Amino acid sequence: MNKQELIDAVASESGTSKIAAEEAINAVLNTISKEVAAGNAVQLVGFGTFGSGERAARTGRNPQTGETIEIAAAKTVKFTAGKAFKDAVNQA
């Protein structure tokens, strides 16, 4: 399912227009993105938790040449599925 299909499904499920559904979905995604970027976790009970983490700098290898390279530290995004979401997936 892509974003447009999600918008269509939310609009039909909620009985609202596609424009209203798109605005709501965009608002939710933007809010989650801003909060996680600020270092805060977003917990949706029954669905899951969005959070951030950090990956330390490390040494890696170029697979083509075998040359060692330094890989910079980076922030990562984590998602931990909630119990109800896991149960729904396992029922399918």
PDB file of N, CA and C in Angstrom:
ATOM      1  N   MET A   1       0.857  -1.179   0.000  1.00  0.00           N
ATOM      2  CA  MET A   1       0.000   0.000   0.000  1.00  0.00           C
ATOM      3  C   MET A   1       0.894   1.229   0.000  1.00  0.00           C
ATOM      4  N   ASN A   2       0.634   2.139  -0.907  1.00  0.00           N
ATOM      5  CA  ASN A   2       1.383   3.381  -0.910  1.00  0.00           C
ATOM      6  C   ASN A   2       0.570   4.479  -0.212  1.00  0.00           C
ATOM      7  N   LYS A   3       1.106   5.694  -0.183  1.00  0.00           N
ATOM      8  CA  LYS A   3       0.454   6.770   0.558  1.00  0.00           C
ATOM      9  C   LYS A   3      -0.923   7.100  -0.019  1.00  0.00           C
ATOM     10  N   GLN A   4      -1.045   7.147  -1.344  1.00  0.00           N
ATOM     11  CA  GLN A   4      -2.338   7.475  -1.951  1.00  0.00           C
ATOM     12  C   GLN A   4      -3.382   6.406  -1.632  1.00  0.00           C
ATOM     13  N   GLU A   5      -2.978   5.150  -1.650  1.00  0.00           N
ATOM     14  CA  GLU A   5      -3.905   4.070  -1.296  1.00  0.00           C
ATOM     15  C   GLU A   5      -4.311   4.172   0.168  1.00  0.00           C
ATOM     16  N   LEU A   6      -3.375   4.582   1.026  1.00  0.00           N
ATOM     17  CA  LEU A   6      -3.696   4.787   2.444  1.00  0.00           C
ATOM     18  C   LEU A   6      -4.707   5.913   2.600  1.00  0.00           C
ATOM     19  N   ILE A   7      -4.514   7.002   1.881  1.00  0.00           N
ATOM     20  CA  ILE A   7      -5.448   8.133   1.932  1.00  0.00           C
ATOM     21  C   ILE A   7      -6.837   7.681   1.492  1.00  0.00           C
ATOM     22  N   ASP A   8      -6.909   6.942   0.405  1.00  0.00           N
ATOM     23  CA  ASP A   8      -8.195   6.447  -0.090  1.00  0.00           C
ATOM     24  C   ASP A   8      -8.873   5.543   0.942  1.00  0.00           C
ATOM     25  N   ALA A   9      -8.104   4.658   1.568  1.00  0.00           N
ATOM     26  CA  ALA A   9      -8.667   3.735   2.556  1.00  0.00           C
ATOM     27  C   ALA A   9      -9.158   4.485   3.791  1.00  0.00           C
ATOM     28  N   VAL A  10      -8.390   5.461   4.251  1.00  0.00           N
ATOM     29  CA  VAL A  10      -8.805   6.242   5.433  1.00  0.00           C
ATOM     30  C   VAL A  10     -10.054   7.056   5.111  1.00  0.00           C
ATOM     31  N   ALA A  11     -10.105   7.632   3.930  1.00  0.00           N
ATOM     32  CA  ALA A  11     -11.273   8.419   3.543  1.00  0.00           C
ATOM     33  C   ALA A  11     -12.532   7.563   3.506  1.00  0.00           C
ATOM     34  N   SER A  12     -12.440   6.373   2.926  1.00  0.00           N
ATOM     35  CA  SER A  12     -13.627   5.518   2.848  1.00  0.00           C
ATOM     36  C   SER A  12     -13.993   4.946   4.217  1.00  0.00           C
ATOM     37  N   GLU A  13     -12.984   4.620   5.037  1.00  0.00           N
ATOM     38  CA  GLU A  13     -13.247   4.059   6.370  1.00  0.00           C
ATOM     39  C   GLU A  13     -13.891   5.094   7.297  1.00  0.00           C
ATOM     40  N   SER A  14     -13.451   6.349   7.196  1.00  0.00           N
ATOM     41  CA  SER A  14     -13.949   7.386   8.103  1.00  0.00           C
ATOM     42  C   SER A  14     -15.121   8.170   7.526  1.00  0.00           C
ATOM     43  N   GLY A  15     -15.408   7.988   6.237  1.00  0.00           N
ATOM     44  CA  GLY A  15     -16.523   8.706   5.630  1.00  0.00           C
ATOM     45  C   GLY A  15     -16.221  10.170   5.375  1.00  0.00           C
ATOM     46  N   THR A  16     -14.939  10.528   5.278  1.00  0.00           N
ATOM     47  CA  THR A  16     -14.559  11.909   4.997  1.00  0.00           C
ATOM     48  C   THR A  16     -14.044  12.013   3.565  1.00  0.00           C
ATOM     49  N   SER A  17     -13.769  13.231   3.158  1.00  0.00           N
ATOM     50  CA  SER A  17     -13.243  13.428   1.809  1.00  0.00           C
ATOM     51  C   SER A  17     -11.780  13.002   1.757  1.00  0.00           C
ATOM     52  N   LYS A  18     -11.304  12.761   0.548  1.00  0.00           N
ATOM     53  CA  LYS A  18      -9.908  12.373   0.378  1.00  0.00           C
ATOM     54  C   LYS A  18      -8.984  13.520   0.769  1.00  0.00           C
ATOM     55  N   ILE A  19      -9.414  14.746   0.537  1.00  0.00           N
ATOM     56  CA  ILE A  19      -8.600  15.913   0.906  1.00  0.00           C
ATOM     57  C   ILE A  19      -8.451  15.996   2.420  1.00  0.00           C
ATOM     58  N   ALA A  20      -9.553  15.798   3.141  1.00  0.00           N
ATOM     59  CA  ALA A  20      -9.502  15.844   4.604  1.00  0.00           C
ATOM     60  C   ALA A  20      -8.650  14.700   5.149  1.00  0.00           C
ATOM     61  N   ALA A  21      -8.775  13.519   4.559  1.00  0.00           N
ATOM     62  CA  ALA A  21      -7.978  12.374   5.000  1.00  0.00           C
ATOM     63  C   ALA A  21      -6.504  12.623   4.744  1.00  0.00           C
ATOM     64  N   GLU A  22      -6.162  13.205   3.588  1.00  0.00           N
ATOM     65  CA  GLU A  22      -4.765  13.498   3.273  1.00  0.00           C
ATOM     66  C   GLU A  22      -4.185  14.515   4.240  1.00  0.00           C
ATOM     67  N   GLU A  23      -4.951  15.556   4.562  1.00  0.00           N
ATOM     68  CA  GLU A  23      -4.492  16.567   5.517  1.00  0.00           C
ATOM     69  C   GLU A  23      -4.246  15.946   6.885  1.00  0.00           C
ATOM     70  N   ALA A  24      -5.142  15.062   7.322  1.00  0.00           N
ATOM     71  CA  ALA A  24      -4.991  14.420   8.626  1.00  0.00           C
ATOM     72  C   ALA A  24      -3.771  13.505   8.649  1.00  0.00           C
ATOM     73  N   ILE A  25      -3.596  12.712   7.612  1.00  0.00           N
ATOM     74  CA  ILE A  25      -2.445  11.803   7.551  1.00  0.00           C
ATOM     75  C   ILE A  25      -1.147  12.596   7.508  1.00  0.00           C
ATOM     76  N   ASN A  26      -1.095  13.650   6.694  1.00  0.00           N
ATOM     77  CA  ASN A  26       0.106  14.482   6.623  1.00  0.00           C
ATOM     78  C   ASN A  26       0.412  15.135   7.957  1.00  0.00           C
ATOM     79  N   ALA A  27      -0.627  15.588   8.669  1.00  0.00           N
ATOM     80  CA  ALA A  27      -0.423  16.212   9.978  1.00  0.00           C
ATOM     81  C   ALA A  27       0.146  15.208  10.972  1.00  0.00           C
ATOM     82  N   VAL A  28      -0.365  13.991  10.966  1.00  0.00           N
ATOM     83  CA  VAL A  28       0.128  12.949  11.870  1.00  0.00           C
ATOM     84  C   VAL A  28       1.587  12.616  11.555  1.00  0.00           C
ATOM     85  N   LEU A  29       1.889  12.395  10.288  1.00  0.00           N
ATOM     86  CA  LEU A  29       3.256  12.041   9.904  1.00  0.00           C
ATOM     87  C   LEU A  29       4.234  13.171  10.191  1.00  0.00           C
ATOM     88  N   ASN A  30       3.840  14.427   9.921  1.00  0.00           N
ATOM     89  CA  ASN A  30       4.717  15.562  10.211  1.00  0.00           C
ATOM     90  C   ASN A  30       4.970  15.707  11.702  1.00  0.00           C
ATOM     91  N   THR A  31       3.940  15.507  12.506  1.00  0.00           N
ATOM     92  CA  THR A  31       4.093  15.612  13.954  1.00  0.00           C
ATOM     93  C   THR A  31       5.017  14.521  14.487  1.00  0.00           C
ATOM     94  N   ILE A  32       4.836  13.292  14.023  1.00  0.00           N
ATOM     95  CA  ILE A  32       5.714  12.200  14.448  1.00  0.00           C
ATOM     96  C   ILE A  32       7.151  12.497  14.030  1.00  0.00           C
ATOM     97  N   SER A  33       7.347  12.949  12.808  1.00  0.00           N
ATOM     98  CA  SER A  33       8.695  13.264  12.315  1.00  0.00           C
ATOM     99  C   SER A  33       9.365  14.344  13.159  1.00  0.00           C
ATOM    100  N   LYS A  34       8.644  15.412  13.463  1.00  0.00           N
ATOM    101  CA  LYS A  34       9.206  16.511  14.252  1.00  0.00           C
ATOM    102  C   LYS A  34       9.580  16.052  15.654  1.00  0.00           C
ATOM    103  N   GLU A  35       8.716  15.278  16.286  1.00  0.00           N
ATOM    104  CA  GLU A  35       8.974  14.823  17.655  1.00  0.00           C
ATOM    105  C   GLU A  35      10.161  13.871  17.714  1.00  0.00           C
ATOM    106  N   VAL A  36      10.239  12.933  16.792  1.00  0.00           N
ATOM    107  CA  VAL A  36      11.355  11.985  16.777  1.00  0.00           C
ATOM    108  C   VAL A  36      12.656  12.718  16.461  1.00  0.00           C
ATOM    109  N   ALA A  37      12.613  13.679  15.545  1.00  0.00           N
ATOM    110  CA  ALA A  37      13.807  14.463  15.215  1.00  0.00           C
ATOM    111  C   ALA A  37      14.282  15.266  16.421  1.00  0.00           C
ATOM    112  N   ALA A  38      13.356  15.669  17.287  1.00  0.00           N
ATOM    113  CA  ALA A  38      13.705  16.422  18.490  1.00  0.00           C
ATOM    114  C   ALA A  38      14.191  15.505  19.612  1.00  0.00           C
ATOM    115  N   GLY A  39      14.172  14.194  19.377  1.00  0.00           N
ATOM    116  CA  GLY A  39      14.652  13.252  20.380  1.00  0.00           C
ATOM    117  C   GLY A  39      13.579  12.698  21.287  1.00  0.00           C
ATOM    118  N   ASN A  40      12.328  13.002  20.995  1.00  0.00           N
ATOM    119  CA  ASN A  40      11.218  12.510  21.811  1.00  0.00           C
ATOM    120  C   ASN A  40      10.635  11.240  21.196  1.00  0.00           C
ATOM    121  N   ALA A  41      10.112  10.380  22.041  1.00  0.00           N
ATOM    122  CA  ALA A  41       9.435   9.174  21.567  1.00  0.00           C
ATOM    123  C   ALA A  41       7.960   9.489  21.371  1.00  0.00           C
ATOM    124  N   VAL A  42       7.346   8.846  20.393  1.00  0.00           N
ATOM    125  CA  VAL A  42       5.914   8.979  20.150  1.00  0.00           C
ATOM    126  C   VAL A  42       5.311   7.601  20.336  1.00  0.00           C
ATOM    127  N   GLN A  43       4.482   7.466  21.372  1.00  0.00           N
ATOM    128  CA  GLN A  43       3.894   6.168  21.693  1.00  0.00           C
ATOM    129  C   GLN A  43       2.417   6.180  21.344  1.00  0.00           C
ATOM    130  N   LEU A  44       2.023   5.273  20.468  1.00  0.00           N
ATOM    131  CA  LEU A  44       0.629   5.084  20.096  1.00  0.00           C
ATOM    132  C   LEU A  44       0.210   3.747  20.696  1.00  0.00           C
ATOM    133  N   VAL A  45      -0.497   3.800  21.808  1.00  0.00           N
ATOM    134  CA  VAL A  45      -0.852   2.596  22.551  1.00  0.00           C
ATOM    135  C   VAL A  45      -1.611   1.629  21.642  1.00  0.00           C
ATOM    136  N   GLY A  46      -1.154   0.389  21.631  1.00  0.00           N
ATOM    137  CA  GLY A  46      -1.760  -0.645  20.807  1.00  0.00           C
ATOM    138  C   GLY A  46      -1.149  -0.734  19.419  1.00  0.00           C
ATOM    139  N   PHE A  47      -0.455   0.315  18.980  1.00  0.00           N
ATOM    140  CA  PHE A  47       0.169   0.304  17.653  1.00  0.00           C
ATOM    141  C   PHE A  47       1.673   0.160  17.759  1.00  0.00           C
ATOM    142  N   GLY A  48       2.313   1.094  18.459  1.00  0.00           N
ATOM    143  CA  GLY A  48       3.756   1.010  18.601  1.00  0.00           C
ATOM    144  C   GLY A  48       4.370   2.314  19.046  1.00  0.00           C
ATOM    145  N   THR A  49       5.688   2.314  19.125  1.00  0.00           N
ATOM    146  CA  THR A  49       6.435   3.477  19.578  1.00  0.00           C
ATOM    147  C   THR A  49       7.495   3.840  18.545  1.00  0.00           C
ATOM    148  N   PHE A  50       7.502   5.110  18.163  1.00  0.00           N
ATOM    149  CA  PHE A  50       8.524   5.653  17.281  1.00  0.00           C
ATOM    150  C   PHE A  50       9.542   6.354  18.164  1.00  0.00           C
ATOM    151  N   GLY A  51      10.823   6.124  17.905  1.00  0.00           N
ATOM    152  CA  GLY A  51      11.863   6.762  18.687  1.00  0.00           C
ATOM    153  C   GLY A  51      13.112   6.951  17.861  1.00  0.00           C
ATOM    154  N   SER A  52      14.127   7.495  18.499  1.00  0.00           N
ATOM    155  CA  SER A  52      15.392   7.697  17.797  1.00  0.00           C
ATOM    156  C   SER A  52      16.502   7.016  18.575  1.00  0.00           C
ATOM    157  N   GLY A  53      17.561   6.726  17.886  1.00  0.00           N
ATOM    158  CA  GLY A  53      18.729   6.109  18.503  1.00  0.00           C
ATOM    159  C   GLY A  53      19.968   6.679  17.848  1.00  0.00           C
ATOM    160  N   GLU A  54      21.106   6.214  18.291  1.00  0.00           N
ATOM    161  CA  GLU A  54      22.356   6.685  17.718  1.00  0.00           C
ATOM    162  C   GLU A  54      23.221   5.503  17.352  1.00  0.00           C
ATOM    163  N   ARG A  55      23.865   5.610  16.217  1.00  0.00           N
ATOM    164  CA  ARG A  55      24.803   4.597  15.767  1.00  0.00           C
ATOM    165  C   ARG A  55      26.192   5.209  15.885  1.00  0.00           C
ATOM    166  N   ALA A  56      27.071   4.554  16.586  1.00  0.00           N
ATOM    167  CA  ALA A  56      28.420   5.066  16.802  1.00  0.00           C
ATOM    168  C   ALA A  56      29.234   5.026  15.516  1.00  0.00           C
ATOM    169  N   ALA A  57      30.256   5.871  15.470  1.00  0.00           N
ATOM    170  CA  ALA A  57      31.184   5.836  14.336  1.00  0.00           C
ATOM    171  C   ALA A  57      31.922   4.505  14.366  1.00  0.00           C
ATOM    172  N   ARG A  58      32.259   4.015  13.191  1.00  0.00           N
ATOM    173  CA  ARG A  58      32.928   2.716  13.138  1.00  0.00           C
ATOM    174  C   ARG A  58      33.794   2.633  11.888  1.00  0.00           C
ATOM    175  N   THR A  59      34.610   1.620  11.846  1.00  0.00           N
ATOM    176  CA  THR A  59      35.461   1.375  10.689  1.00  0.00           C
ATOM    177  C   THR A  59      34.825   0.268   9.864  1.00  0.00           C
ATOM    178  N   GLY A  60      34.753   0.491   8.558  1.00  0.00           N
ATOM    179  CA  GLY A  60      34.185  -0.507   7.660  1.00  0.00           C
ATOM    180  C   GLY A  60      35.146  -0.787   6.528  1.00  0.00           C
ATOM    181  N   ARG A  61      34.707  -1.607   5.603  1.00  0.00           N
ATOM    182  CA  ARG A  61      35.545  -1.939   4.449  1.00  0.00           C
ATOM    183  C   ARG A  61      34.760  -1.704   3.172  1.00  0.00           C
ATOM    184  N   ASN A  62      35.458  -1.172   2.163  1.00  0.00           N
ATOM    185  CA  ASN A  62      34.885  -1.048   0.838  1.00  0.00           C
ATOM    186  C   ASN A  62      34.892  -2.451   0.235  1.00  0.00           C
ATOM    187  N   PRO A  63      33.721  -3.001  -0.100  1.00  0.00           N
ATOM    188  CA  PRO A  63      33.686  -4.382  -0.597  1.00  0.00           C
ATOM    189  C   PRO A  63      34.387  -4.582  -1.937  1.00  0.00           C
ATOM    190  N   GLN A  64      34.516  -3.539  -2.732  1.00  0.00           N
ATOM    191  CA  GLN A  64      35.167  -3.684  -4.037  1.00  0.00           C
ATOM    192  C   GLN A  64      36.683  -3.682  -3.923  1.00  0.00           C
ATOM    193  N   THR A  65      37.213  -2.806  -3.053  1.00  0.00           N
ATOM    194  CA  THR A  65      38.670  -2.666  -2.980  1.00  0.00           C
ATOM    195  C   THR A  65      39.268  -3.276  -1.724  1.00  0.00           C
ATOM    196  N   GLY A  66      38.445  -3.523  -0.707  1.00  0.00           N
ATOM    197  CA  GLY A  66      38.959  -4.035   0.561  1.00  0.00           C
ATOM    198  C   GLY A  66      39.570  -2.947   1.426  1.00  0.00           C
ATOM    199  N   GLU A  67      39.562  -1.719   0.938  1.00  0.00           N
ATOM    200  CA  GLU A  67      40.130  -0.581   1.667  1.00  0.00           C
ATOM    201  C   GLU A  67      39.280  -0.269   2.898  1.00  0.00           C
ATOM    202  N   THR A  68      39.931   0.044   4.032  1.00  0.00           N
ATOM    203  CA  THR A  68      39.187   0.420   5.233  1.00  0.00           C
ATOM    204  C   THR A  68      38.729   1.862   5.091  1.00  0.00           C
ATOM    205  N   ILE A  69      37.507   2.103   5.566  1.00  0.00           N
ATOM    206  CA  ILE A  69      36.948   3.447   5.535  1.00  0.00           C
ATOM    207  C   ILE A  69      36.320   3.742   6.887  1.00  0.00           C
ATOM    208  N   GLU A  70      36.250   5.009   7.216  1.00  0.00           N
ATOM    209  CA  GLU A  70      35.593   5.429   8.447  1.00  0.00           C
ATOM    210  C   GLU A  70      34.134   5.747   8.139  1.00  0.00           C
ATOM    211  N   ILE A  71      33.242   5.153   8.902  1.00  0.00           N
ATOM    212  CA  ILE A  71      31.814   5.405   8.748  1.00  0.00           C
ATOM    213  C   ILE A  71      31.408   6.323   9.891  1.00  0.00           C
ATOM    214  N   ALA A  72      30.836   7.466   9.553  1.00  0.00           N
ATOM    215  CA  ALA A  72      30.494   8.481  10.549  1.00  0.00           C
ATOM    216  C   ALA A  72      29.349   8.017  11.449  1.00  0.00           C
ATOM    217  N   ALA A  73      29.282   8.614  12.633  1.00  0.00           N
ATOM    218  CA  ALA A  73      28.162   8.364  13.539  1.00  0.00           C
ATOM    219  C   ALA A  73      26.886   8.892  12.887  1.00  0.00           C
ATOM    220  N   ALA A  74      25.757   8.293  13.224  1.00  0.00           N
ATOM    221  CA  ALA A  74      24.488   8.710  12.620  1.00  0.00           C
ATOM    222  C   ALA A  74      23.347   8.511  13.607  1.00  0.00           C
ATOM    223  N   LYS A  75      22.319   9.327  13.452  1.00  0.00           N
ATOM    224  CA  LYS A  75      21.084   9.128  14.208  1.00  0.00           C
ATOM    225  C   LYS A  75      20.231   8.140  13.428  1.00  0.00           C
ATOM    226  N   THR A  76      19.499   7.304  14.131  1.00  0.00           N
ATOM    227  CA  THR A  76      18.636   6.323  13.487  1.00  0.00           C
ATOM    228  C   THR A  76      17.209   6.477  13.996  1.00  0.00           C
ATOM    229  N   VAL A  77      16.275   5.938  13.254  1.00  0.00           N
ATOM    230  CA  VAL A  77      14.869   5.943  13.652  1.00  0.00           C
ATOM    231  C   VAL A  77      14.505   4.515  14.022  1.00  0.00           C
ATOM    232  N   LYS A  78      13.827   4.372  15.156  1.00  0.00           N
ATOM    233  CA  LYS A  78      13.417   3.049  15.613  1.00  0.00           C
ATOM    234  C   LYS A  78      11.893   2.989  15.691  1.00  0.00           C
ATOM    235  N   PHE A  79      11.350   1.834  15.410  1.00  0.00           N
ATOM    236  CA  PHE A  79       9.927   1.592  15.617  1.00  0.00           C
ATOM    237  C   PHE A  79       9.795   0.265  16.338  1.00  0.00           C
ATOM    238  N   THR A  80       9.079   0.282  17.426  1.00  0.00           N
ATOM    239  CA  THR A  80       8.802  -0.938  18.175  1.00  0.00           C
ATOM    240  C   THR A  80       7.303  -1.175  18.121  1.00  0.00           C
ATOM    241  N   ALA A  81       6.902  -2.279  17.547  1.00  0.00           N
ATOM    242  CA  ALA A  81       5.482  -2.594  17.406  1.00  0.00           C
ATOM    243  C   ALA A  81       4.870  -2.910  18.764  1.00  0.00           C
ATOM    244  N   GLY A  82       3.618  -2.458  18.953  1.00  0.00           N
ATOM    245  CA  GLY A  82       2.879  -2.743  20.172  1.00  0.00           C
ATOM    246  C   GLY A  82       2.264  -4.133  20.135  1.00  0.00           C
ATOM    247  N   LYS A  83       1.834  -4.593  21.284  1.00  0.00           N
ATOM    248  CA  LYS A  83       1.289  -5.953  21.392  1.00  0.00           C
ATOM    249  C   LYS A  83       0.067  -6.147  20.507  1.00  0.00           C
ATOM    250  N   ALA A  84      -0.866  -5.204  20.508  1.00  0.00           N
ATOM    251  CA  ALA A  84      -2.086  -5.357  19.705  1.00  0.00           C
ATOM    252  C   ALA A  84      -1.752  -5.416  18.217  1.00  0.00           C
ATOM    253  N   PHE A  85      -0.775  -4.625  17.781  1.00  0.00           N
ATOM    254  CA  PHE A  85      -0.359  -4.626  16.378  1.00  0.00           C
ATOM    255  C   PHE A  85       0.282  -5.969  16.023  1.00  0.00           C
ATOM    256  N   LYS A  86       1.154  -6.467  16.894  1.00  0.00           N
ATOM    257  CA  LYS A  86       1.785  -7.768  16.664  1.00  0.00           C
ATOM    258  C   LYS A  86       0.745  -8.875  16.593  1.00  0.00           C
ATOM    259  N   ASP A  87      -0.218  -8.824  17.511  1.00  0.00           N
ATOM    260  CA  ASP A  87      -1.263  -9.842  17.520  1.00  0.00           C
ATOM    261  C   ASP A  87      -2.103  -9.801  16.245  1.00  0.00           C
ATOM    262  N   ALA A  88      -2.407  -8.596  15.755  1.00  0.00           N
ATOM    263  CA  ALA A  88      -3.196  -8.459  14.529  1.00  0.00           C
ATOM    264  C   ALA A  88      -2.426  -9.015  13.328  1.00  0.00           C
ATOM    265  N   VAL A  89      -1.139  -8.777  13.288  1.00  0.00           N
ATOM    266  CA  VAL A  89      -0.317  -9.294  12.186  1.00  0.00           C
ATOM    267  C   VAL A  89      -0.231 -10.809  12.241  1.00  0.00           C
ATOM    268  N   ASN A  90      -0.099 -11.357  13.440  1.00  0.00           N
ATOM    269  CA  ASN A  90       0.017 -12.808  13.580  1.00  0.00           C
ATOM    270  C   ASN A  90      -1.299 -13.536  13.329  1.00  0.00           C
ATOM    271  N   GLN A  91      -2.429 -12.842  13.411  1.00  0.00           N
ATOM    272  CA  GLN A  91      -3.727 -13.450  13.133  1.00  0.00           C
ATOM    273  C   GLN A  91      -3.957 -13.594  11.638  1.00  0.00           C
ATOM    274  N   ALA A  92      -3.297 -12.759  10.851  1.00  0.00           N
ATOM    275  CA  ALA A  92      -3.525 -12.743   9.390  1.00  0.00           C
ATOM    276  C   ALA A  92      -2.984 -13.963   8.713  1.00  0.00           C
TER     277      ALA A  92
END
